[in-house]
Amino acid sequence: MPYYAGIGSRKAPEKYLRLAKKIASFLEKKSYILRSGAAAGMDSAFEDGLEDHRNSEIFVPWPSFGSMNYKYNSVCEWALSIAKKYHPNWNALKSSGTLLMGRNTYQVLGPDEDSEKSEFVICWTNPKKGGTLQAIRIAQDYSIPVYNMYYPSETEKFLSMLKGMK
C-alpha cells in the first residue's frame, strides 16, 4: 500500500481545506493510505476527506490529543531522535513541543524504523513558521517529494501529478 503525508497549518485558507478533502478522497480511491496528525486545519481536512478512516494512520503526540481514540497515540524514542536531528532549536522546546515534533517523524517515515516511508508530502503551510516545517525537513533529507500548496506552482505541479494517476 502506498502512503502519503497529508498535513499542514491550522490556519490554512478555506479553499485549501476543501482541496485537501478532495485530494484525500481521490487518493483513497487509488489505494493510498493517509498519514496525518489530527490537528485542526489541514490535518483534519485530509482526514475528513476519507470515506473509510481505516485508510489512514493518524499519529497523535499523547492520548488526549484530538477528538478520537487513535491507534498511534504516543511518541517513541526512535521518533524523538529523528525529530531532534532535524529541529533547529530542539533544546528550546517544551516537552509537549518535542512530542509534537516526534509525531511529525511518523507522518513522513511511518510508525517505526522498518516502515515504508510516505511517497510524498502534500501540505499547506507558511514557509517561515509552523510545525509542518519539521516534517518538510525530514522529507527533504529522505528525498521524499514535498508539495507545499502555499505556493501556487506547487499546487499545480501536484494536481498535474494526480491527473497522471487516472
N, C-alpha and C. Protein backbone atom coordinates (compact mmCIF):
# COMPACT_ATOMS: atom_id res chain seq x y z
N MET A 1 0.84 -1.19 0.00
CA MET A 1 0.00 0.00 0.00
C MET A 1 0.89 1.25 0.00
N PRO A 2 0.61 2.19 -0.87
CA PRO A 2 1.38 3.44 -0.83
C PRO A 2 0.84 4.38 0.25
N TYR A 3 1.75 5.13 0.84
CA TYR A 3 1.41 6.08 1.90
C TYR A 3 1.76 7.49 1.45
N TYR A 4 1.05 8.46 2.02
CA TYR A 4 1.40 9.86 1.81
C TYR A 4 1.11 10.61 3.10
N ALA A 5 1.82 11.71 3.31
CA ALA A 5 1.56 12.58 4.45
C ALA A 5 0.71 13.74 3.98
N GLY A 6 -0.48 13.87 4.54
CA GLY A 6 -1.38 14.99 4.28
C GLY A 6 -1.45 15.83 5.54
N ILE A 7 -0.75 16.94 5.55
CA ILE A 7 -0.53 17.71 6.77
C ILE A 7 -0.56 19.21 6.48
N GLY A 8 -0.40 20.01 7.52
CA GLY A 8 -0.26 21.44 7.29
C GLY A 8 -0.76 22.30 8.42
N SER A 9 -0.87 23.55 8.08
CA SER A 9 -1.18 24.60 9.06
C SER A 9 -2.60 24.51 9.60
N ARG A 10 -2.72 24.91 10.84
CA ARG A 10 -4.04 25.06 11.46
C ARG A 10 -4.76 26.28 10.88
N LYS A 11 -4.01 27.16 10.24
CA LYS A 11 -4.55 28.43 9.73
C LYS A 11 -4.62 28.47 8.20
N ALA A 12 -4.73 27.33 7.57
CA ALA A 12 -4.81 27.28 6.11
C ALA A 12 -6.11 27.94 5.63
N PRO A 13 -6.07 28.59 4.48
CA PRO A 13 -7.29 29.18 3.92
C PRO A 13 -8.33 28.10 3.59
N GLU A 14 -9.57 28.50 3.68
CA GLU A 14 -10.69 27.58 3.45
C GLU A 14 -10.59 26.85 2.11
N LYS A 15 -10.17 27.54 1.06
CA LYS A 15 -10.12 26.88 -0.25
C LYS A 15 -9.14 25.71 -0.24
N TYR A 16 -8.08 25.79 0.56
CA TYR A 16 -7.13 24.68 0.64
C TYR A 16 -7.63 23.57 1.54
N LEU A 17 -8.45 23.91 2.53
CA LEU A 17 -9.07 22.87 3.34
C LEU A 17 -10.02 22.04 2.47
N ARG A 18 -10.79 22.71 1.62
CA ARG A 18 -11.69 21.98 0.70
C ARG A 18 -10.89 21.14 -0.28
N LEU A 19 -9.79 21.69 -0.78
CA LEU A 19 -8.95 20.94 -1.72
C LEU A 19 -8.33 19.73 -1.04
N ALA A 20 -7.91 19.87 0.21
CA ALA A 20 -7.33 18.74 0.94
C ALA A 20 -8.32 17.58 1.05
N LYS A 21 -9.58 17.89 1.30
CA LYS A 21 -10.61 16.85 1.38
C LYS A 21 -10.74 16.13 0.04
N LYS A 22 -10.74 16.87 -1.04
CA LYS A 22 -10.85 16.27 -2.38
C LYS A 22 -9.63 15.42 -2.69
N ILE A 23 -8.46 15.90 -2.32
CA ILE A 23 -7.22 15.14 -2.56
C ILE A 23 -7.26 13.82 -1.80
N ALA A 24 -7.65 13.89 -0.53
CA ALA A 24 -7.70 12.68 0.29
C ALA A 24 -8.69 11.67 -0.30
N SER A 25 -9.84 12.15 -0.75
CA SER A 25 -10.84 11.28 -1.35
C SER A 25 -10.30 10.61 -2.62
N PHE A 26 -9.66 11.40 -3.46
CA PHE A 26 -9.09 10.87 -4.71
C PHE A 26 -8.02 9.83 -4.42
N LEU A 27 -7.11 10.16 -3.52
CA LEU A 27 -6.00 9.23 -3.21
C LEU A 27 -6.51 7.96 -2.55
N GLU A 28 -7.53 8.07 -1.73
CA GLU A 28 -8.11 6.88 -1.11
C GLU A 28 -8.63 5.93 -2.19
N LYS A 29 -9.25 6.46 -3.22
CA LYS A 29 -9.75 5.63 -4.32
C LYS A 29 -8.61 4.97 -5.09
N LYS A 30 -7.42 5.55 -5.00
CA LYS A 30 -6.22 4.99 -5.65
C LYS A 30 -5.43 4.10 -4.67
N SER A 31 -6.06 3.75 -3.56
CA SER A 31 -5.50 2.84 -2.54
C SER A 31 -4.36 3.44 -1.72
N TYR A 32 -4.25 4.76 -1.68
CA TYR A 32 -3.24 5.40 -0.84
C TYR A 32 -3.74 5.45 0.60
N ILE A 33 -2.80 5.36 1.53
CA ILE A 33 -3.07 5.48 2.95
C ILE A 33 -2.57 6.84 3.42
N LEU A 34 -3.48 7.60 4.03
CA LEU A 34 -3.15 8.91 4.58
C LEU A 34 -2.39 8.75 5.89
N ARG A 35 -1.34 9.53 6.04
CA ARG A 35 -0.67 9.71 7.33
C ARG A 35 -0.83 11.17 7.71
N SER A 36 -1.34 11.41 8.91
CA SER A 36 -1.57 12.78 9.34
C SER A 36 -1.49 12.85 10.86
N GLY A 37 -1.91 14.01 11.42
CA GLY A 37 -1.69 14.23 12.83
C GLY A 37 -2.84 14.74 13.67
N ALA A 38 -4.06 14.76 13.13
CA ALA A 38 -5.27 15.10 13.89
C ALA A 38 -5.34 16.54 14.38
N ALA A 39 -4.47 17.39 13.89
CA ALA A 39 -4.56 18.80 14.29
C ALA A 39 -5.68 19.47 13.51
N ALA A 40 -6.19 20.56 14.04
CA ALA A 40 -7.19 21.35 13.32
C ALA A 40 -6.56 21.87 12.03
N GLY A 41 -7.37 22.26 11.10
CA GLY A 41 -6.86 22.80 9.84
C GLY A 41 -6.60 21.71 8.83
N MET A 42 -5.43 21.74 8.22
CA MET A 42 -5.12 20.83 7.12
C MET A 42 -5.16 19.36 7.52
N ASP A 43 -4.58 19.00 8.67
CA ASP A 43 -4.59 17.59 9.08
C ASP A 43 -6.03 17.06 9.10
N SER A 44 -6.89 17.78 9.76
CA SER A 44 -8.28 17.35 9.88
C SER A 44 -8.99 17.36 8.54
N ALA A 45 -8.67 18.31 7.67
CA ALA A 45 -9.30 18.35 6.35
C ALA A 45 -8.96 17.10 5.54
N PHE A 46 -7.69 16.70 5.56
CA PHE A 46 -7.32 15.46 4.86
C PHE A 46 -8.08 14.28 5.44
N GLU A 47 -8.13 14.20 6.75
CA GLU A 47 -8.83 13.09 7.39
C GLU A 47 -10.33 13.12 7.06
N ASP A 48 -10.92 14.30 7.03
CA ASP A 48 -12.35 14.43 6.72
C ASP A 48 -12.68 14.01 5.29
N GLY A 49 -11.69 14.03 4.41
CA GLY A 49 -11.92 13.63 3.03
C GLY A 49 -12.01 12.13 2.82
N LEU A 50 -11.69 11.35 3.83
CA LEU A 50 -11.71 9.89 3.70
C LEU A 50 -13.12 9.34 3.89
N GLU A 51 -13.44 8.35 3.11
CA GLU A 51 -14.70 7.64 3.30
C GLU A 51 -14.57 6.61 4.41
N ASP A 52 -13.40 5.96 4.47
CA ASP A 52 -13.16 4.90 5.45
C ASP A 52 -11.87 5.26 6.21
N HIS A 53 -12.01 5.58 7.48
CA HIS A 53 -10.85 6.02 8.27
C HIS A 53 -9.84 4.91 8.54
N ARG A 54 -10.19 3.70 8.17
CA ARG A 54 -9.18 2.63 8.25
C ARG A 54 -8.12 2.82 7.17
N ASN A 55 -8.36 3.72 6.23
CA ASN A 55 -7.39 4.02 5.19
C ASN A 55 -6.47 5.18 5.61
N SER A 56 -6.17 5.20 6.89
CA SER A 56 -5.31 6.25 7.41
C SER A 56 -4.49 5.72 8.59
N GLU A 57 -3.39 6.39 8.81
CA GLU A 57 -2.59 6.24 10.02
C GLU A 57 -2.50 7.63 10.60
N ILE A 58 -3.21 7.85 11.69
CA ILE A 58 -3.25 9.17 12.32
C ILE A 58 -2.42 9.10 13.60
N PHE A 59 -1.42 9.96 13.66
CA PHE A 59 -0.47 9.96 14.77
C PHE A 59 -0.73 11.17 15.66
N VAL A 60 -0.90 10.91 16.94
CA VAL A 60 -1.08 11.99 17.90
C VAL A 60 0.01 11.87 18.96
N PRO A 61 0.40 13.02 19.54
CA PRO A 61 1.53 13.01 20.46
C PRO A 61 1.22 12.47 21.85
N TRP A 62 -0.05 12.46 22.23
CA TRP A 62 -0.47 11.93 23.53
C TRP A 62 -1.93 11.51 23.40
N PRO A 63 -2.39 10.62 24.27
CA PRO A 63 -3.73 10.04 24.12
C PRO A 63 -4.90 11.03 24.07
N SER A 64 -4.83 12.14 24.76
CA SER A 64 -5.96 13.07 24.79
C SER A 64 -5.93 14.08 23.65
N PHE A 65 -4.96 13.99 22.73
CA PHE A 65 -4.86 14.91 21.60
C PHE A 65 -5.88 14.51 20.55
N GLY A 66 -6.68 15.44 20.09
CA GLY A 66 -7.69 15.13 19.08
C GLY A 66 -8.96 14.64 19.75
N SER A 67 -9.95 14.38 18.93
CA SER A 67 -11.26 14.03 19.48
C SER A 67 -11.58 12.55 19.37
N MET A 68 -10.68 11.75 18.81
CA MET A 68 -10.95 10.32 18.64
C MET A 68 -9.91 9.50 19.40
N ASN A 69 -10.18 8.23 19.54
CA ASN A 69 -9.23 7.31 20.15
C ASN A 69 -8.35 6.74 19.04
N TYR A 70 -7.19 7.30 18.86
CA TYR A 70 -6.31 6.91 17.77
C TYR A 70 -5.39 5.76 18.18
N LYS A 71 -5.09 4.91 17.22
CA LYS A 71 -4.20 3.77 17.45
C LYS A 71 -2.79 4.25 17.81
N TYR A 72 -2.30 5.25 17.10
CA TYR A 72 -0.94 5.75 17.33
C TYR A 72 -1.03 6.99 18.22
N ASN A 73 -0.91 6.78 19.55
CA ASN A 73 -1.15 7.89 20.47
C ASN A 73 0.00 8.13 21.44
N SER A 74 1.20 7.85 21.01
CA SER A 74 2.38 8.17 21.82
C SER A 74 3.57 8.30 20.88
N VAL A 75 4.68 8.77 21.41
CA VAL A 75 5.87 9.00 20.60
C VAL A 75 7.03 8.25 21.24
N CYS A 76 7.68 7.41 20.45
CA CYS A 76 8.78 6.59 20.97
C CYS A 76 10.14 7.30 20.81
N GLU A 77 11.15 6.71 21.41
CA GLU A 77 12.50 7.28 21.38
C GLU A 77 13.05 7.39 19.96
N TRP A 78 12.75 6.41 19.10
CA TRP A 78 13.22 6.48 17.71
C TRP A 78 12.71 7.75 17.04
N ALA A 79 11.39 8.01 17.16
CA ALA A 79 10.81 9.19 16.53
C ALA A 79 11.38 10.48 17.13
N LEU A 80 11.60 10.49 18.43
CA LEU A 80 12.18 11.67 19.08
C LEU A 80 13.61 11.91 18.63
N SER A 81 14.37 10.85 18.44
CA SER A 81 15.77 11.03 17.99
C SER A 81 15.82 11.60 16.58
N ILE A 82 14.91 11.16 15.71
CA ILE A 82 14.84 11.74 14.36
C ILE A 82 14.42 13.21 14.46
N ALA A 83 13.39 13.47 15.26
CA ALA A 83 12.90 14.84 15.41
C ALA A 83 14.00 15.77 15.92
N LYS A 84 14.75 15.31 16.88
CA LYS A 84 15.83 16.13 17.45
C LYS A 84 16.88 16.46 16.39
N LYS A 85 17.17 15.51 15.54
CA LYS A 85 18.17 15.71 14.48
C LYS A 85 17.77 16.84 13.53
N TYR A 86 16.48 16.99 13.27
CA TYR A 86 16.03 17.93 12.25
C TYR A 86 15.49 19.25 12.79
N HIS A 87 15.28 19.35 14.08
CA HIS A 87 14.73 20.59 14.62
C HIS A 87 15.85 21.59 14.88
N PRO A 88 15.71 22.82 14.40
CA PRO A 88 16.80 23.80 14.53
C PRO A 88 17.03 24.32 15.94
N ASN A 89 16.08 24.15 16.86
CA ASN A 89 16.26 24.67 18.21
C ASN A 89 15.60 23.73 19.22
N TRP A 90 15.97 22.47 19.15
CA TRP A 90 15.37 21.41 19.95
C TRP A 90 15.35 21.73 21.44
N ASN A 91 16.45 22.23 21.96
CA ASN A 91 16.55 22.47 23.40
C ASN A 91 15.63 23.57 23.91
N ALA A 92 15.08 24.38 23.01
CA ALA A 92 14.15 25.44 23.42
C ALA A 92 12.71 24.92 23.52
N LEU A 93 12.45 23.71 23.04
CA LEU A 93 11.09 23.16 23.06
C LEU A 93 10.71 22.66 24.44
N LYS A 94 9.43 22.85 24.78
CA LYS A 94 8.89 22.23 25.97
C LYS A 94 8.64 20.76 25.66
N SER A 95 8.34 19.95 26.66
CA SER A 95 8.14 18.53 26.42
C SER A 95 6.99 18.28 25.44
N SER A 96 5.92 19.09 25.52
CA SER A 96 4.83 18.92 24.56
C SER A 96 5.29 19.22 23.13
N GLY A 97 6.16 20.19 22.99
CA GLY A 97 6.71 20.52 21.67
C GLY A 97 7.55 19.39 21.10
N THR A 98 8.34 18.74 21.96
CA THR A 98 9.15 17.63 21.45
C THR A 98 8.25 16.48 20.99
N LEU A 99 7.15 16.25 21.71
CA LEU A 99 6.22 15.18 21.30
C LEU A 99 5.54 15.53 19.98
N LEU A 100 5.17 16.79 19.79
CA LEU A 100 4.57 17.20 18.52
C LEU A 100 5.57 17.02 17.38
N MET A 101 6.82 17.36 17.60
CA MET A 101 7.83 17.19 16.55
C MET A 101 8.08 15.71 16.28
N GLY A 102 8.06 14.89 17.33
CA GLY A 102 8.21 13.44 17.15
C GLY A 102 7.06 12.86 16.34
N ARG A 103 5.87 13.38 16.57
CA ARG A 103 4.70 12.95 15.81
C ARG A 103 4.92 13.21 14.31
N ASN A 104 5.57 14.32 13.99
CA ASN A 104 5.85 14.64 12.58
C ASN A 104 6.77 13.61 11.93
N THR A 105 7.65 13.02 12.70
CA THR A 105 8.51 11.95 12.18
C THR A 105 7.67 10.83 11.62
N TYR A 106 6.66 10.41 12.36
CA TYR A 106 5.79 9.31 11.93
C TYR A 106 5.05 9.64 10.64
N GLN A 107 4.60 10.86 10.51
CA GLN A 107 3.83 11.24 9.32
C GLN A 107 4.64 11.02 8.05
N VAL A 108 5.92 11.23 8.13
CA VAL A 108 6.79 11.11 6.96
C VAL A 108 7.39 9.72 6.83
N LEU A 109 7.85 9.15 7.94
CA LEU A 109 8.61 7.89 7.88
C LEU A 109 7.83 6.65 8.31
N GLY A 110 6.65 6.83 8.89
CA GLY A 110 5.86 5.69 9.33
C GLY A 110 6.02 5.42 10.81
N PRO A 111 5.29 4.42 11.33
CA PRO A 111 5.24 4.20 12.77
C PRO A 111 6.50 3.60 13.40
N ASP A 112 7.41 3.10 12.60
CA ASP A 112 8.68 2.62 13.16
C ASP A 112 9.74 2.63 12.08
N GLU A 113 10.97 2.35 12.48
CA GLU A 113 12.08 2.48 11.54
C GLU A 113 12.06 1.47 10.40
N ASP A 114 11.24 0.42 10.50
CA ASP A 114 11.13 -0.57 9.43
C ASP A 114 9.94 -0.31 8.52
N SER A 115 9.20 0.76 8.73
CA SER A 115 8.00 1.06 7.95
C SER A 115 8.36 1.59 6.56
N GLU A 116 7.40 1.43 5.68
CA GLU A 116 7.51 2.05 4.36
C GLU A 116 7.31 3.55 4.54
N LYS A 117 8.19 4.33 3.93
CA LYS A 117 8.10 5.79 4.05
C LYS A 117 6.94 6.32 3.21
N SER A 118 6.48 7.50 3.54
CA SER A 118 5.47 8.15 2.72
C SER A 118 6.07 8.44 1.35
N GLU A 119 5.27 8.29 0.30
CA GLU A 119 5.75 8.56 -1.06
C GLU A 119 5.95 10.05 -1.30
N PHE A 120 5.11 10.86 -0.68
CA PHE A 120 5.20 12.31 -0.83
C PHE A 120 4.50 12.97 0.35
N VAL A 121 4.76 14.26 0.49
CA VAL A 121 4.09 15.10 1.48
C VAL A 121 3.30 16.14 0.70
N ILE A 122 2.01 16.25 1.00
CA ILE A 122 1.19 17.31 0.44
C ILE A 122 0.71 18.14 1.63
N CYS A 123 0.90 19.45 1.55
CA CYS A 123 0.61 20.31 2.69
C CYS A 123 0.27 21.72 2.23
N TRP A 124 -0.20 22.50 3.15
CA TRP A 124 -0.28 23.95 3.01
C TRP A 124 0.26 24.51 4.30
N THR A 125 1.38 25.24 4.19
CA THR A 125 1.96 25.85 5.37
C THR A 125 2.79 27.06 4.98
N ASN A 126 2.80 28.04 5.85
CA ASN A 126 3.66 29.19 5.67
C ASN A 126 5.11 28.70 5.74
N PRO A 127 5.93 29.03 4.75
CA PRO A 127 7.30 28.51 4.72
C PRO A 127 8.23 29.12 5.77
N LYS A 128 7.73 30.03 6.60
CA LYS A 128 8.59 30.68 7.59
C LYS A 128 8.29 30.28 9.01
N LYS A 129 7.17 29.55 9.24
CA LYS A 129 6.85 29.18 10.61
C LYS A 129 5.91 27.99 10.63
N GLY A 130 5.92 27.28 11.75
CA GLY A 130 4.98 26.19 11.96
C GLY A 130 5.64 24.82 12.04
N GLY A 131 4.94 23.91 12.69
CA GLY A 131 5.45 22.56 12.90
C GLY A 131 5.57 21.73 11.64
N THR A 132 4.80 22.08 10.60
CA THR A 132 4.88 21.33 9.36
C THR A 132 6.27 21.44 8.75
N LEU A 133 6.97 22.52 9.04
CA LEU A 133 8.33 22.67 8.51
C LEU A 133 9.24 21.53 8.99
N GLN A 134 8.97 21.01 10.18
CA GLN A 134 9.73 19.88 10.70
C GLN A 134 9.55 18.67 9.78
N ALA A 135 8.32 18.37 9.42
CA ALA A 135 8.06 17.25 8.52
C ALA A 135 8.71 17.49 7.16
N ILE A 136 8.69 18.72 6.69
CA ILE A 136 9.31 19.04 5.40
C ILE A 136 10.82 18.81 5.46
N ARG A 137 11.47 19.22 6.54
CA ARG A 137 12.92 19.00 6.66
C ARG A 137 13.25 17.51 6.63
N ILE A 138 12.47 16.72 7.33
CA ILE A 138 12.70 15.27 7.35
C ILE A 138 12.50 14.71 5.95
N ALA A 139 11.39 15.05 5.32
CA ALA A 139 11.08 14.53 3.98
C ALA A 139 12.18 14.89 2.99
N GLN A 140 12.62 16.12 3.01
CA GLN A 140 13.65 16.55 2.06
C GLN A 140 14.94 15.76 2.25
N ASP A 141 15.32 15.50 3.50
CA ASP A 141 16.55 14.75 3.74
C ASP A 141 16.43 13.30 3.30
N TYR A 142 15.22 12.76 3.31
CA TYR A 142 14.99 11.39 2.86
C TYR A 142 14.57 11.34 1.39
N SER A 143 14.72 12.44 0.68
CA SER A 143 14.38 12.55 -0.75
C SER A 143 12.93 12.20 -1.04
N ILE A 144 12.05 12.57 -0.14
CA ILE A 144 10.61 12.40 -0.32
C ILE A 144 10.06 13.71 -0.86
N PRO A 145 9.40 13.69 -2.02
CA PRO A 145 8.88 14.93 -2.60
C PRO A 145 7.90 15.64 -1.67
N VAL A 146 8.00 16.96 -1.63
CA VAL A 146 7.12 17.79 -0.83
C VAL A 146 6.42 18.77 -1.76
N TYR A 147 5.11 18.85 -1.64
CA TYR A 147 4.30 19.79 -2.40
C TYR A 147 3.61 20.70 -1.39
N ASN A 148 4.10 21.93 -1.27
CA ASN A 148 3.52 22.89 -0.35
C ASN A 148 2.57 23.78 -1.16
N MET A 149 1.28 23.60 -0.95
CA MET A 149 0.29 24.34 -1.71
C MET A 149 0.24 25.83 -1.36
N TYR A 150 1.05 26.25 -0.41
CA TYR A 150 1.22 27.68 -0.14
C TYR A 150 1.68 28.38 -1.42
N TYR A 151 2.45 27.65 -2.21
CA TYR A 151 2.95 28.14 -3.49
C TYR A 151 2.04 27.65 -4.61
N PRO A 152 1.43 28.55 -5.37
CA PRO A 152 0.54 28.12 -6.46
C PRO A 152 1.22 27.16 -7.44
N SER A 153 2.49 27.37 -7.72
CA SER A 153 3.18 26.47 -8.67
C SER A 153 3.28 25.05 -8.11
N GLU A 154 3.43 24.91 -6.80
CA GLU A 154 3.47 23.58 -6.20
C GLU A 154 2.10 22.90 -6.25
N THR A 155 1.06 23.70 -6.07
CA THR A 155 -0.30 23.17 -6.17
C THR A 155 -0.53 22.63 -7.58
N GLU A 156 -0.16 23.41 -8.58
CA GLU A 156 -0.34 22.99 -9.97
C GLU A 156 0.48 21.74 -10.28
N LYS A 157 1.71 21.70 -9.80
CA LYS A 157 2.56 20.53 -10.02
C LYS A 157 1.94 19.29 -9.41
N PHE A 158 1.42 19.42 -8.19
CA PHE A 158 0.81 18.28 -7.51
C PHE A 158 -0.46 17.83 -8.23
N LEU A 159 -1.32 18.79 -8.60
CA LEU A 159 -2.55 18.42 -9.29
C LEU A 159 -2.26 17.77 -10.64
N SER A 160 -1.21 18.19 -11.30
CA SER A 160 -0.80 17.53 -12.55
C SER A 160 -0.37 16.09 -12.30
N MET A 161 0.33 15.88 -11.20
CA MET A 161 0.73 14.51 -10.84
C MET A 161 -0.51 13.65 -10.61
N LEU A 162 -1.51 14.19 -9.93
CA LEU A 162 -2.73 13.44 -9.68
C LEU A 162 -3.44 13.09 -10.98
N LYS A 163 -3.47 14.03 -11.93
CA LYS A 163 -4.11 13.78 -13.22
C LYS A 163 -3.43 12.61 -13.93
N GLY A 164 -2.14 12.48 -13.72
CA GLY A 164 -1.40 11.38 -14.32
C GLY A 164 -1.73 10.02 -13.70
N MET A 165 -2.38 10.02 -12.54
CA MET A 165 -2.75 8.77 -11.86
C MET A 165 -4.04 8.18 -12.40
N LYS A 166 -4.82 8.93 -13.14
CA LYS A 166 -6.14 8.46 -13.59
C LYS A 166 -6.02 7.33 -14.59
